[in-house]
């Protein structure tokens, strides 16, 4: 028998990572590997989209307030300054805690944009999803909502779109009248929707003397929820020092009861008597901030009582995101 000639395979074009286009998951990968896209370069693309970003708002002005508006505050708005300025025909861009019908965004009749924050996001990076929604809202026809979609893995994030020198100053509302330009003359179905939303909103006030602290009123007691920018382990140590020393309260009848974890930050929570208003807690909160700064500066090992206090705080920690 004749010896078989070795077969030479045709040379496949070599593509660099940046040149590989996106194709269907079951199609051959354009890199020429012979594998399906989903098992080759599509795997990395899918991972990039779904990988959870622990601190999606890090680097944005007012990171603590971003977290609070995403997880804690029912009704609030913030004017967003864009890095390259507002496009022609867009008088303003406003971040809102939630929009009617849970829309991700809305281009109003006058061209202004409302961007919703409290929405389910398709990927693990809230910032990238918000940026994708914002860009689509800026290009949408006036008077139309923007629907959700999965943002491209290499798309911009809010950190790329917003002015890094801009401010982030939330305005907390008692209700959702900001949804419509003229709520008093809204259509009956819109008025009914507003009424239902307003009835479910917990009264909330942002403190003015410290950053990212929000008082809220519930039927049984009031609370202060304070988003803090410090590393979690250091913050828990400092809170434990103050708690063990009997210095973690915000005045008579108040009590540090635990904390939330949300988007990479820790949110201590205090119970307040129902008669304690946001104004009443302004001065005690500022005084607590000074005590906390001193406790954060200590590098002494925790005492037995402080370790016990830290364990109690850790056991009463709830993860929101």
Protein backbone atom coordinates (compact mmCIF):
# COMPACT_ATOMS: atom_id res chain seq x y z
CA UNK A 1 0.00 0.00 0.00
CA UNK A 2 1.21 3.42 -0.81
CA UNK A 3 2.26 5.51 2.13
CA UNK A 4 -0.25 8.20 2.92
CA UNK A 5 0.97 11.68 2.32
CA UNK A 6 0.81 13.94 5.32
CA UNK A 7 -2.07 16.35 4.96
CA UNK A 8 -1.33 19.97 5.49
CA UNK A 9 -4.00 22.06 7.12
CA UNK A 10 -4.83 25.38 5.63
CA UNK A 11 -3.46 28.16 7.72
CA UNK A 12 -6.21 29.87 9.69
CA UNK A 13 -6.05 33.63 9.99
CA UNK A 14 -4.60 34.69 13.33
CA UNK A 15 -6.73 37.27 15.06
CA UNK A 16 -5.69 39.33 18.02
CA UNK A 17 -7.96 39.54 21.07
CA UNK A 18 -9.20 42.96 20.05
CA UNK A 19 -10.18 41.79 16.55
CA UNK A 20 -12.39 38.83 17.52
CA UNK A 21 -16.01 39.73 16.72
CA UNK A 22 -19.03 38.55 18.68
CA UNK A 23 -20.96 35.76 16.97
CA UNK A 24 -23.70 33.33 18.00
CA UNK A 25 -22.88 31.13 20.99
CA UNK A 26 -23.05 27.91 18.91
CA UNK A 27 -21.18 29.24 15.89
CA UNK A 28 -17.46 28.47 15.30
CA UNK A 29 -15.25 30.93 17.14
CA UNK A 30 -13.79 33.49 14.69
CA UNK A 31 -10.32 32.97 16.20
CA UNK A 32 -10.01 29.72 14.21
CA UNK A 33 -9.69 27.35 17.16
CA UNK A 34 -12.39 25.05 15.79
CA UNK A 35 -14.42 25.31 18.98
CA UNK A 36 -17.79 26.94 19.38
CA UNK A 37 -17.72 30.59 20.33
CA UNK A 38 -19.35 29.95 23.74
CA UNK A 39 -16.57 27.49 24.64
CA UNK A 40 -13.77 29.71 23.40
CA UNK A 41 -13.63 33.51 23.39
CA UNK A 42 -17.32 33.74 24.23
CA UNK A 43 -16.58 32.27 27.64
CA UNK A 44 -14.37 35.19 28.60
CA UNK A 45 -16.92 37.66 27.22
CA UNK A 46 -19.74 36.06 29.22
CA UNK A 47 -17.60 36.04 32.35
CA UNK A 48 -16.77 39.71 31.91
CA UNK A 49 -20.48 40.53 31.71
CA UNK A 50 -21.60 38.44 34.69
CA UNK A 51 -18.64 38.92 37.04
CA UNK A 52 -19.82 40.77 40.14
CA UNK A 53 -18.21 44.15 40.74
CA UNK A 54 -18.09 44.48 44.53
CA UNK A 55 -17.95 48.29 44.60
CA UNK A 56 -19.68 49.45 41.41
CA UNK A 57 -19.85 53.09 42.52
CA UNK A 58 -16.23 53.39 43.66
CA UNK A 59 -14.58 56.47 42.17
CA UNK A 60 -17.83 58.35 41.68
CA UNK A 61 -18.45 61.52 43.70
CA UNK A 62 -20.74 60.61 46.62
CA UNK A 63 -20.21 56.83 46.57
CA UNK A 64 -22.02 56.45 49.90
CA UNK A 65 -25.05 58.33 48.60
CA UNK A 66 -25.13 56.18 45.46
CA UNK A 67 -25.35 53.12 47.70
CA UNK A 68 -28.03 54.72 49.88
CA UNK A 69 -30.19 55.70 46.90
CA UNK A 70 -29.81 52.24 45.41
CA UNK A 71 -30.75 50.32 48.58
CA UNK A 72 -32.23 52.51 51.31
CA UNK A 73 -34.00 55.64 50.08
CA UNK A 74 -37.48 55.36 48.55
CA UNK A 75 -37.76 58.63 46.64
CA UNK A 76 -34.84 60.86 45.68
CA UNK A 77 -33.32 62.56 42.65
CA UNK A 78 -29.86 63.89 41.75
CA UNK A 79 -28.81 66.08 38.83
CA UNK A 80 -25.93 64.36 37.00
CA UNK A 81 -23.20 66.45 35.33
CA UNK A 82 -21.77 64.69 32.27
CA UNK A 83 -18.04 64.74 31.53
CA UNK A 84 -18.54 66.07 28.00
CA UNK A 85 -21.53 68.25 28.81
CA UNK A 86 -25.15 67.74 27.85
CA UNK A 87 -25.92 66.81 24.23
CA UNK A 88 -27.98 69.21 22.15
CA UNK A 89 -31.66 68.84 22.93
CA UNK A 90 -31.07 67.34 26.40
CA UNK A 91 -31.70 70.05 29.02
CA UNK A 92 -30.87 67.82 32.01
CA UNK A 93 -29.97 64.31 33.17
CA UNK A 94 -31.46 63.27 36.49
CA UNK A 95 -30.80 60.11 38.48
CA UNK A 96 -33.94 58.85 40.27
CA UNK A 97 -34.31 56.09 42.81
CA UNK A 98 -37.15 54.52 40.85
CA UNK A 99 -39.24 55.38 37.79
CA UNK A 100 -42.85 54.52 36.90
CA UNK A 101 -43.32 50.98 35.58
CA UNK A 102 -39.77 50.28 36.85
CA UNK A 103 -38.41 51.71 33.59
CA UNK A 104 -34.60 51.77 33.48
CA UNK A 105 -34.76 55.26 31.96
CA UNK A 106 -37.14 57.75 30.39
CA UNK A 107 -36.59 60.44 27.76
CA UNK A 108 -39.22 63.02 28.56
CA UNK A 109 -41.18 65.05 26.02
CA UNK A 110 -38.92 68.06 26.65
CA UNK A 111 -35.80 65.97 25.92
CA UNK A 112 -34.65 65.65 29.54
CA UNK A 113 -33.54 62.23 30.79
CA UNK A 114 -34.54 60.37 33.95
CA UNK A 115 -32.28 57.43 34.85
CA UNK A 116 -33.62 54.83 37.31
CA UNK A 117 -31.26 53.38 39.91
CA UNK A 118 -33.33 50.76 41.75
CA UNK A 119 -33.69 48.30 38.89
CA UNK A 120 -32.55 44.72 38.40
CA UNK A 121 -29.41 44.81 36.26
CA UNK A 122 -28.56 42.09 33.72
CA UNK A 123 -24.83 41.97 34.50
CA UNK A 124 -22.69 42.00 37.60
CA UNK A 125 -21.65 45.62 37.11
CA UNK A 126 -24.38 48.09 37.96
CA UNK A 127 -22.23 50.99 36.82
CA UNK A 128 -21.78 49.55 33.31
CA UNK A 129 -25.49 48.74 33.00
CA UNK A 130 -26.44 52.26 34.09
CA UNK A 131 -24.01 53.81 31.61
CA UNK A 132 -25.42 51.72 28.77
CA UNK A 133 -28.97 52.73 29.71
CA UNK A 134 -27.98 56.39 29.97
CA UNK A 135 -26.35 56.45 26.53
CA UNK A 136 -29.43 54.86 24.97
CA UNK A 137 -31.69 57.33 26.78
CA UNK A 138 -29.67 60.28 25.45
CA UNK A 139 -30.24 59.00 21.92
CA UNK A 140 -33.89 57.98 22.38
CA UNK A 141 -36.80 59.85 20.88
CA UNK A 142 -38.40 62.33 23.31
CA UNK A 143 -41.39 60.87 25.10
CA UNK A 144 -40.13 57.27 25.14
CA UNK A 145 -38.93 54.93 27.91
CA UNK A 146 -35.74 52.89 27.58
CA UNK A 147 -35.97 49.14 28.11
CA UNK A 148 -33.43 46.96 29.92
CA UNK A 149 -30.75 45.00 28.11
CA UNK A 150 -27.36 43.45 28.86
CA UNK A 151 -24.63 46.03 28.44
CA UNK A 152 -21.64 45.19 26.21
CA UNK A 153 -18.77 43.80 28.29
CA UNK A 154 -16.43 46.49 26.96
CA UNK A 155 -18.91 49.33 27.26
CA UNK A 156 -18.28 52.46 29.35
CA UNK A 157 -19.16 52.76 33.03
CA UNK A 158 -20.72 55.71 34.84
CA UNK A 159 -17.20 56.63 35.97
CA UNK A 160 -16.41 57.23 32.28
CA UNK A 161 -19.48 59.38 31.57
CA UNK A 162 -19.84 61.62 34.62
CA UNK A 163 -17.78 64.69 35.43
CA UNK A 164 -15.30 63.56 38.12
CA UNK A 165 -15.21 67.11 39.47
CA UNK A 166 -18.99 67.34 39.67
CA UNK A 167 -21.04 67.13 42.82
CA UNK A 168 -23.55 64.49 43.86
CA UNK A 169 -26.26 66.14 45.94
CA UNK A 170 -29.38 64.00 46.46
CA UNK A 171 -32.73 65.66 46.96
CA UNK A 172 -34.96 63.40 49.05
CA UNK A 173 -38.68 63.64 48.26
CA UNK A 174 -41.69 62.73 50.35
CA UNK A 175 -43.29 61.12 47.30
CA UNK A 176 -42.90 60.43 43.60
CA UNK A 177 -44.42 63.58 42.14
CA UNK A 178 -41.15 64.11 40.27
CA UNK A 179 -42.31 61.38 37.88
CA UNK A 180 -44.56 63.81 36.03
CA UNK A 181 -44.14 67.53 35.24
CA UNK A 182 -47.63 68.45 36.48
CA UNK A 183 -48.85 65.88 39.04
CA UNK A 184 -51.94 67.88 39.95
CA UNK A 185 -53.26 67.53 36.41
CA UNK A 186 -52.03 63.99 35.77
CA UNK A 187 -54.22 61.44 34.03
CA UNK A 188 -56.37 59.32 36.39
CA UNK A 189 -54.26 56.17 35.93
CA UNK A 190 -51.06 58.12 36.58
CA UNK A 191 -52.58 59.76 39.65
CA UNK A 192 -53.60 56.33 40.98
CA UNK A 193 -50.09 54.97 40.41
CA UNK A 194 -48.60 57.94 42.23
CA UNK A 195 -50.97 57.44 45.14
CA UNK A 196 -49.99 53.78 45.52
CA UNK A 197 -46.27 54.56 45.32
CA UNK A 198 -46.52 57.42 47.80
CA UNK A 199 -48.42 55.25 50.28
CA UNK A 200 -45.58 52.71 50.30
CA UNK A 201 -42.76 55.25 50.71
CA UNK A 202 -41.13 55.38 54.15
CA UNK A 203 -40.53 58.99 55.29
CA UNK A 204 -36.79 59.60 54.88
CA UNK A 205 -34.50 62.59 55.52
CA UNK A 206 -30.83 63.04 54.61
CA UNK A 207 -28.70 64.47 57.41
CA UNK A 208 -26.82 67.65 56.55
CA UNK A 209 -23.95 67.48 59.06
CA UNK A 210 -22.40 64.15 58.00
CA UNK A 211 -22.08 62.31 54.70
CA UNK A 212 -24.48 59.62 53.46
CA UNK A 213 -26.56 59.31 56.66
CA UNK A 214 -30.34 58.90 56.34
CA UNK A 215 -33.02 59.10 59.02
CA UNK A 216 -36.21 57.18 58.37
CA UNK A 217 -39.53 56.78 60.19
CA UNK A 218 -41.34 53.48 60.66
CA UNK A 219 -44.51 52.78 62.65
CA UNK A 220 -42.73 51.33 65.70
CA UNK A 221 -39.46 53.27 65.81
CA UNK A 222 -37.19 55.49 63.79
CA UNK A 223 -33.78 54.56 62.40
CA UNK A 224 -30.55 56.12 61.24
CA UNK A 225 -28.76 54.27 58.43
CA UNK A 226 -25.32 55.62 57.68
CA UNK A 227 -23.27 54.46 54.67
CA UNK A 228 -19.59 54.65 55.63
CA UNK A 229 -16.59 54.64 53.26
CA UNK A 230 -14.11 52.82 55.49
CA UNK A 231 -12.78 49.26 54.94
CA UNK A 232 -15.18 46.84 56.61
CA UNK A 233 -12.75 45.15 59.00
CA UNK A 234 -11.33 48.46 60.23
CA UNK A 235 -14.79 49.93 60.65
CA UNK A 236 -16.08 46.93 62.63
CA UNK A 237 -13.04 47.13 64.92
CA UNK A 238 -13.69 50.83 65.52
CA UNK A 239 -17.41 50.31 66.14
CA UNK A 240 -16.56 47.48 68.55
CA UNK A 241 -14.21 49.74 70.53
CA UNK A 242 -16.93 52.36 70.88
CA UNK A 243 -19.64 49.80 71.63
CA UNK A 244 -17.61 48.13 74.38
CA UNK A 245 -16.92 51.55 75.91
CA UNK A 246 -20.61 52.47 75.88
CA UNK A 247 -20.00 55.24 73.35
CA UNK A 248 -21.72 53.87 70.23
CA UNK A 249 -25.17 55.39 70.78
CA UNK A 250 -26.53 58.65 69.41
CA UNK A 251 -28.09 59.79 72.64
CA UNK A 252 -30.57 58.60 75.25
CA UNK A 253 -32.80 55.77 74.07
CA UNK A 254 -30.78 55.16 70.88
CA UNK A 255 -28.84 51.99 70.11
CA UNK A 256 -26.43 50.70 67.49
CA UNK A 257 -28.17 47.48 66.46
CA UNK A 258 -26.07 46.15 63.57
CA UNK A 259 -25.20 46.96 60.00
CA UNK A 260 -25.89 46.25 56.36
CA UNK A 261 -23.38 45.32 53.68
CA UNK A 262 -24.19 47.00 50.38
CA UNK A 263 -22.09 47.32 47.23
CA UNK A 264 -18.81 46.98 49.07
CA UNK A 265 -19.60 49.42 51.87
CA UNK A 266 -20.82 48.95 55.44
CA UNK A 267 -23.98 50.67 56.69
CA UNK A 268 -24.30 50.86 60.50
CA UNK A 269 -27.89 51.10 61.73
CA UNK A 270 -29.19 52.73 64.88
CA UNK A 271 -32.63 52.34 66.45
CA UNK A 272 -34.09 55.67 67.57
CA UNK A 273 -37.13 56.39 69.71
CA UNK A 274 -40.15 57.35 67.62
CA UNK A 275 -39.96 60.90 68.97
CA UNK A 276 -36.40 61.47 67.71
CA UNK A 277 -36.45 63.41 64.43
CA UNK A 278 -33.75 63.87 61.83
CA UNK A 279 -33.00 67.31 63.22
CA UNK A 280 -32.63 65.85 66.72
CA UNK A 281 -29.94 63.42 65.57
CA UNK A 282 -27.81 65.90 63.59
CA UNK A 283 -25.60 66.97 66.51
CA UNK A 284 -25.21 63.47 68.04
CA UNK A 285 -24.24 62.11 64.61
CA UNK A 286 -21.53 64.75 64.17
CA UNK A 287 -20.19 63.97 67.65
CA UNK A 288 -20.21 60.26 66.85
CA UNK A 289 -18.22 60.94 63.67
CA UNK A 290 -15.48 62.49 65.81
CA UNK A 291 -15.45 59.51 68.19
CA UNK A 292 -15.34 57.12 65.27
CA UNK A 293 -12.37 58.92 63.70
CA UNK A 294 -10.43 58.49 66.94
CA UNK A 295 -11.36 54.80 67.17
CA UNK A 296 -10.36 54.22 63.53
CA UNK A 297 -6.93 55.71 64.24
CA UNK A 298 -6.20 53.17 67.01
CA UNK A 299 -4.09 50.14 66.10
CA UNK A 300 -4.16 48.54 69.56
CA UNK A 301 -5.35 44.92 69.69
CA UNK A 302 -9.00 44.51 70.64
CA UNK A 303 -9.66 43.70 74.28
CA UNK A 304 -11.80 40.75 75.33
CA UNK A 305 -14.85 42.99 75.71
CA UNK A 306 -14.18 44.63 72.34
CA UNK A 307 -13.85 41.26 70.61
CA UNK A 308 -17.14 40.22 72.17
CA UNK A 309 -18.76 43.45 70.97
CA UNK A 310 -17.33 42.89 67.49
CA UNK A 311 -18.75 39.39 67.36
CA UNK A 312 -22.17 40.73 68.26
CA UNK A 313 -22.00 43.36 65.52
CA UNK A 314 -20.85 40.80 62.97
CA UNK A 315 -23.70 38.44 63.88
CA UNK A 316 -26.18 41.24 63.29
CA UNK A 317 -24.85 42.12 59.84
CA UNK A 318 -27.14 41.69 56.83
CA UNK A 319 -25.92 41.70 53.22
CA UNK A 320 -28.15 43.68 50.85
CA UNK A 321 -26.09 43.17 47.71
